[in-house]
Amino acid sequence: MSLNAIHYIENFGAPMTVTLNDDQFENLTLEKHDDGVWVVTLNRPEKRNALNLATIEELITLFSNAPRAGAQAIVLAAKGDHFCAGLDLIEHHDADRSPADFMHVCLRWHEAFNKMEYGGVPVIAALKGAVVGGGLELASAAHIRVADAGTYFALPEGQRGLFTGGGATIRVADLVGKSRMIDMMLTGRVYQGQEAVDLGLAQYLEEGSTFDKAIALAQRTAANLPLTNFAICSAVSHMQNMSAMDAAYAEAVVAGVVNTQPAARERLAAFADKSAARIRPNT
């Protein structure tokens, strides 16, 4: 791990240097809460929130700047009945892109989703309805996913003559395994309910509102120290890409920085004098 990376970790959560406002976006809405929780909503319900290139660019802007604009946790939600139906196939059809053009579109998708996964701010996705194709790629870049009984997951690229281009071979395969992902693409297999949770497509299955659960989880994570959240939401993913030896070294370096941060001393003192809340099993 470079000295620049260590300096970045140490200074994460420093005073804001950029500003993001709702009026900067057309395909997203941005709502900031006083507790540091932001609600980012996909706002193309008439398209089942399919991702056109303009939306991808807005996601890049938002997730590139959110860590330095005061976001402590982000709920990624969607307007309408569906979270995201994936690539905007009408735009793709009408654009009639060349192979090189579409390659660069895919690279922008990767940029957006990498900013989500590695940006250091917890992202909790409130899922509903379709989480399909590129919508599943988007959801898999979130750190926590909340589904309900009506949420369904699929990769229908095989039936449409397409191939995934937004990271499914990386993130979705990591969640469900290579064989299951290939099966989803070849056959159009759909997962939902407890089976989807058991496979790792979501971590929570709610009978009520996925949005309300996502807000509660975001509030809980926003109460953590920003530097600690940064390490959890960035370093873990980086370490998964390393050899075991490199990951062990990187983990030690990150722990050395995070576990000695001045802001943690008060919390450690509360644990030592037994005034901190204890971990209890769910009842």
Protein backbone atom coordinates (compact mmCIF):
# COMPACT_ATOMS: atom_id res chain seq x y z
CA MET A 1 0.00 0.00 0.00
CA SER A 2 1.45 3.36 -1.06
CA LEU A 3 2.04 6.37 1.18
CA ASN A 4 -0.51 8.26 -0.92
CA ALA A 5 -3.12 5.63 -0.10
CA ILE A 6 -2.32 5.84 3.61
CA HIS A 7 -2.56 9.65 3.49
CA TYR A 8 -5.94 9.37 1.78
CA ILE A 9 -7.23 6.99 4.46
CA GLU A 10 -5.97 9.20 7.27
CA ASN A 11 -7.68 12.26 5.81
CA PHE A 12 -10.96 10.59 4.89
CA GLY A 13 -13.84 12.50 6.49
CA ALA A 14 -11.90 15.79 6.43
CA PRO A 15 -13.85 19.04 5.86
CA MET A 16 -16.01 19.10 2.74
CA THR A 17 -14.33 20.24 -0.45
CA VAL A 18 -17.19 19.79 -2.95
CA THR A 19 -20.92 20.41 -3.00
CA LEU A 20 -23.63 18.27 -4.56
CA ASN A 21 -27.21 19.47 -4.94
CA ASP A 22 -30.37 17.95 -6.34
CA ASP A 23 -30.54 20.48 -9.17
CA GLN A 24 -27.35 19.01 -10.67
CA PHE A 25 -29.22 15.87 -11.73
CA GLU A 26 -32.03 15.04 -14.16
CA ASN A 27 -32.29 11.26 -13.87
CA LEU A 28 -31.55 11.06 -10.15
CA THR A 29 -32.99 12.87 -7.17
CA LEU A 30 -30.86 13.70 -4.15
CA GLU A 31 -32.21 14.25 -0.66
CA LYS A 32 -29.85 15.00 2.23
CA HIS A 33 -30.80 14.25 5.82
CA ASP A 34 -29.33 16.00 8.84
CA ASP A 35 -27.80 12.76 10.15
CA GLY A 36 -25.54 12.42 7.11
CA VAL A 37 -27.81 9.94 5.32
CA TRP A 38 -28.40 10.74 1.67
CA VAL A 39 -31.25 9.29 -0.39
CA VAL A 40 -30.39 8.91 -4.07
CA THR A 41 -33.38 7.88 -6.18
CA LEU A 42 -33.36 6.56 -9.73
CA ASN A 43 -35.97 8.72 -11.42
CA ARG A 44 -36.97 7.15 -14.74
CA PRO A 45 -40.04 5.16 -13.65
CA GLU A 46 -41.57 5.25 -17.13
CA LYS A 47 -38.54 3.22 -18.29
CA ARG A 48 -38.54 0.97 -15.19
CA ASN A 49 -35.44 2.98 -14.27
CA ALA A 50 -33.42 1.51 -17.12
CA LEU A 51 -29.93 2.95 -17.24
CA ASN A 52 -29.19 5.23 -20.16
CA LEU A 53 -25.78 6.80 -20.60
CA ALA A 54 -26.90 10.10 -19.04
CA THR A 55 -27.91 8.29 -15.83
CA ILE A 56 -24.57 6.50 -15.70
CA GLU A 57 -22.76 9.83 -15.99
CA GLU A 58 -24.86 11.23 -13.15
CA LEU A 59 -24.02 8.20 -10.99
CA ILE A 60 -20.32 8.81 -11.68
CA THR A 61 -20.64 12.45 -10.63
CA LEU A 62 -22.56 11.60 -7.50
CA PHE A 63 -20.46 8.71 -6.23
CA SER A 64 -17.18 10.38 -7.18
CA ASN A 65 -17.96 13.39 -5.02
CA ALA A 66 -20.22 12.09 -2.24
CA PRO A 67 -17.34 11.07 0.09
CA ARG A 68 -16.05 14.67 0.13
CA ALA A 69 -19.48 16.29 0.12
CA GLY A 70 -20.61 15.10 3.53
CA ALA A 71 -22.37 11.82 2.81
CA GLN A 72 -22.08 9.39 5.73
CA ALA A 73 -24.31 6.72 4.18
CA ILE A 74 -26.35 6.53 0.99
CA VAL A 75 -29.69 4.83 0.38
CA LEU A 76 -30.04 3.97 -3.31
CA ALA A 77 -33.76 3.83 -4.07
CA ALA A 78 -35.98 3.96 -7.14
CA LYS A 79 -39.16 5.74 -8.12
CA GLY A 80 -42.02 3.58 -9.36
CA ASP A 81 -42.57 -0.15 -9.10
CA HIS A 82 -39.13 -1.37 -10.14
CA PHE A 83 -35.59 -0.81 -8.92
CA CYS A 84 -33.88 -1.08 -12.31
CA ALA A 85 -34.56 -3.05 -15.48
CA GLY A 86 -30.95 -2.75 -16.67
CA LEU A 87 -29.51 -1.27 -19.84
CA ASP A 88 -31.82 1.10 -21.70
CA LEU A 89 -32.30 -1.19 -24.69
CA ILE A 90 -34.18 1.43 -26.69
CA GLU A 91 -31.30 3.89 -26.42
CA HIS A 92 -28.87 1.09 -27.27
CA HIS A 93 -30.92 0.06 -30.30
CA ASP A 94 -31.37 3.60 -31.58
CA ALA A 95 -27.72 4.55 -31.08
CA ASP A 96 -26.56 1.64 -33.26
CA ARG A 97 -23.15 1.86 -31.62
CA SER A 98 -19.93 0.48 -33.01
CA PRO A 99 -18.04 -2.14 -30.97
CA ALA A 100 -15.57 0.54 -29.84
CA ASP A 101 -18.37 2.91 -28.87
CA PHE A 102 -20.12 0.31 -26.76
CA MET A 103 -16.85 -0.74 -25.15
CA HIS A 104 -16.47 2.83 -23.89
CA VAL A 105 -20.08 2.83 -22.65
CA CYS A 106 -19.27 -0.29 -20.63
CA LEU A 107 -16.16 1.36 -19.20
CA ARG A 108 -18.34 4.24 -17.96
CA TRP A 109 -20.62 1.71 -16.26
CA HIS A 110 -17.55 0.21 -14.57
CA GLU A 111 -16.46 3.69 -13.50
CA ALA A 112 -19.85 4.37 -11.89
CA PHE A 113 -20.07 1.05 -10.08
CA ASN A 114 -16.43 1.13 -8.95
CA LYS A 115 -17.05 4.57 -7.44
CA MET A 116 -19.94 3.03 -5.51
CA GLU A 117 -18.11 -0.03 -4.26
CA TYR A 118 -14.73 1.55 -3.53
CA GLY A 119 -15.79 5.09 -2.61
CA GLY A 120 -15.79 4.45 1.12
CA VAL A 121 -19.37 5.55 1.86
CA PRO A 122 -21.82 2.76 2.74
CA VAL A 123 -24.41 2.28 -0.01
CA ILE A 124 -27.64 0.49 0.93
CA ALA A 125 -29.89 -0.47 -1.98
CA ALA A 126 -33.66 -0.52 -1.37
CA LEU A 127 -34.76 -3.06 -3.96
CA LYS A 128 -38.19 -3.76 -5.40
CA GLY A 129 -39.67 -5.26 -8.51
CA ALA A 130 -37.18 -5.86 -11.29
CA VAL A 131 -33.48 -6.05 -10.46
CA VAL A 132 -32.53 -7.29 -13.88
CA GLY A 133 -29.45 -7.29 -16.11
CA GLY A 134 -27.62 -4.03 -15.56
CA GLY A 135 -29.95 -3.36 -12.65
CA LEU A 136 -28.47 -6.38 -10.89
CA GLU A 137 -24.99 -5.13 -11.77
CA LEU A 138 -25.90 -1.80 -10.17
CA ALA A 139 -27.36 -3.46 -7.07
CA SER A 140 -24.35 -5.76 -6.67
CA ALA A 141 -22.09 -2.69 -6.37
CA ALA A 142 -24.00 -1.62 -3.24
CA HIS A 143 -22.64 -2.80 0.10
CA ILE A 144 -26.03 -3.86 1.50
CA ARG A 145 -29.12 -4.92 -0.45
CA VAL A 146 -32.65 -5.08 0.97
CA ALA A 147 -35.31 -7.02 -0.96
CA ASP A 148 -38.97 -7.87 -0.46
CA ALA A 149 -41.05 -10.81 -1.63
CA GLY A 150 -41.81 -9.06 -4.92
CA THR A 151 -38.19 -8.33 -5.79
CA TYR A 152 -36.84 -10.53 -8.56
CA PHE A 153 -33.31 -10.95 -9.90
CA ALA A 154 -32.35 -12.06 -13.39
CA LEU A 155 -29.68 -11.81 -16.08
CA PRO A 156 -31.65 -12.16 -19.35
CA GLU A 157 -28.75 -11.20 -21.62
CA GLY A 158 -28.63 -14.63 -23.27
CA GLN A 159 -32.20 -14.38 -24.52
CA ARG A 160 -31.58 -10.90 -25.93
CA GLY A 161 -28.40 -11.70 -27.82
CA LEU A 162 -26.30 -9.70 -25.38
CA PHE A 163 -23.50 -10.16 -22.85
CA THR A 164 -23.07 -8.44 -19.51
CA GLY A 165 -20.95 -5.31 -19.66
CA GLY A 166 -21.33 -3.65 -16.26
CA GLY A 167 -19.46 -5.99 -13.96
CA ALA A 168 -21.75 -9.01 -13.52
CA THR A 169 -18.86 -11.34 -14.31
CA ILE A 170 -17.09 -9.77 -11.34
CA ARG A 171 -19.70 -8.93 -8.71
CA VAL A 172 -22.68 -11.16 -9.46
CA ALA A 173 -20.43 -14.16 -10.01
CA ASP A 174 -18.82 -13.36 -6.67
CA LEU A 175 -22.24 -13.31 -4.99
CA VAL A 176 -23.80 -16.46 -6.46
CA GLY A 177 -20.89 -18.36 -7.99
CA LYS A 178 -19.78 -18.81 -11.58
CA SER A 179 -22.05 -21.76 -12.37
CA ARG A 180 -25.22 -20.08 -11.13
CA MET A 181 -24.44 -16.89 -13.00
CA ILE A 182 -23.87 -18.81 -16.24
CA ASP A 183 -27.16 -20.61 -15.65
CA MET A 184 -28.96 -17.28 -15.13
CA MET A 185 -27.57 -15.91 -18.38
CA LEU A 186 -28.17 -19.04 -20.47
CA THR A 187 -31.68 -19.86 -19.27
CA GLY A 188 -33.08 -16.57 -17.98
CA ARG A 189 -33.57 -18.14 -14.55
CA VAL A 190 -35.19 -15.78 -12.04
CA TYR A 191 -34.52 -15.74 -8.29
CA GLN A 192 -36.61 -14.11 -5.61
CA GLY A 193 -37.61 -14.36 -1.97
CA GLN A 194 -35.63 -16.38 0.54
CA GLU A 195 -33.82 -18.29 -2.21
CA ALA A 196 -32.35 -15.02 -3.50
CA VAL A 197 -31.22 -14.05 -0.01
CA ASP A 198 -29.72 -17.49 0.61
CA LEU A 199 -27.66 -17.10 -2.59
CA GLY A 200 -26.38 -13.68 -1.51
CA LEU A 201 -28.28 -11.51 -3.97
CA ALA A 202 -29.63 -9.59 -0.97
CA GLN A 203 -28.80 -9.64 2.73
CA TYR A 204 -32.25 -8.67 4.03
CA LEU A 205 -35.75 -9.84 3.11
CA GLU A 206 -38.45 -7.49 4.36
CA GLU A 207 -42.17 -8.05 4.69
CA GLY A 208 -42.66 -4.29 4.79
CA SER A 209 -40.95 -1.40 3.04
CA THR A 210 -37.45 -2.04 1.76
CA PHE A 211 -36.94 1.72 1.78
CA ASP A 212 -37.74 2.02 5.49
CA LYS A 213 -35.35 -0.84 6.28
CA ALA A 214 -32.64 0.72 4.11
CA ILE A 215 -33.04 4.06 5.90
CA ALA A 216 -32.73 2.34 9.29
CA LEU A 217 -29.57 0.53 8.17
CA ALA A 218 -28.14 3.74 6.72
CA GLN A 219 -28.78 5.60 9.96
CA ARG A 220 -27.02 2.87 11.88
CA THR A 221 -23.98 2.87 9.62
CA ALA A 222 -23.86 6.68 9.47
CA ALA A 223 -23.34 6.66 13.24
CA ASN A 224 -20.00 4.91 12.73
CA LEU A 225 -16.79 6.88 12.37
CA PRO A 226 -16.29 7.90 8.71
CA LEU A 227 -12.78 6.49 8.58
CA THR A 228 -13.97 3.14 9.89
CA ASN A 229 -16.75 3.02 7.28
CA PHE A 230 -14.25 3.96 4.59
CA ALA A 231 -12.06 0.99 5.52
CA ILE A 232 -14.99 -1.41 5.61
CA CYS A 233 -16.51 -0.21 2.33
CA SER A 234 -13.29 0.18 0.38
CA ALA A 235 -10.42 -1.83 1.82
CA VAL A 236 -12.31 -5.13 2.02
CA SER A 237 -13.06 -5.04 -1.70
CA HIS A 238 -9.49 -4.12 -2.54
CA MET A 239 -8.17 -6.94 -0.38
CA GLN A 240 -10.39 -9.46 -2.13
CA ASN A 241 -8.50 -8.60 -5.33
CA MET A 242 -5.09 -9.30 -3.76
CA SER A 243 -3.11 -12.41 -3.05
CA ALA A 244 -3.46 -13.70 0.51
CA MET A 245 -0.01 -12.37 1.44
CA ASP A 246 -0.67 -8.92 -0.02
CA ALA A 247 -4.11 -8.77 1.58
CA ALA A 248 -2.66 -9.64 4.99
CA TYR A 249 -0.13 -6.84 4.67
CA ALA A 250 -2.73 -4.33 3.47
CA GLU A 251 -5.09 -5.32 6.27
CA ALA A 252 -2.40 -4.71 8.85
CA VAL A 253 -1.63 -1.27 7.41
CA VAL A 254 -5.30 -0.24 7.27
CA ALA A 255 -5.89 -1.53 10.80
CA GLY A 256 -2.85 0.41 11.98
CA VAL A 257 -4.34 3.65 10.67
CA VAL A 258 -7.99 3.06 11.53
CA ASN A 259 -7.55 1.48 14.95
CA THR A 260 -5.40 4.34 16.24
CA GLN A 261 -7.52 7.23 14.94
CA PRO A 262 -8.06 9.88 17.62
CA ALA A 263 -11.82 9.83 17.11
CA ALA A 264 -11.94 6.20 18.20
CA ARG A 265 -10.42 6.84 21.63
CA GLU A 266 -13.70 8.05 23.15
CA ARG A 267 -15.47 4.93 21.93
CA LEU A 268 -12.73 2.70 23.23
CA ALA A 269 -12.83 4.48 26.57
CA ALA A 270 -16.58 3.89 26.78
CA PHE A 271 -15.99 0.20 26.19
CA ALA A 272 -13.28 0.09 28.83
CA ASP A 273 -15.44 1.76 31.51
CA LYS A 274 -18.44 -0.41 30.54
CA SER A 275 -20.64 2.52 29.49
CA ALA A 276 -20.78 1.44 25.85
CA ALA A 277 -23.65 -0.66 24.56
CA ARG A 278 -22.90 -4.37 24.58
CA ILE A 279 -23.50 -6.70 21.69
CA ARG A 280 -26.60 -8.78 22.30
CA PRO A 281 -28.28 -11.48 20.21
CA ASN A 282 -31.48 -10.58 18.42
CA THR A 283 -34.57 -11.47 20.43
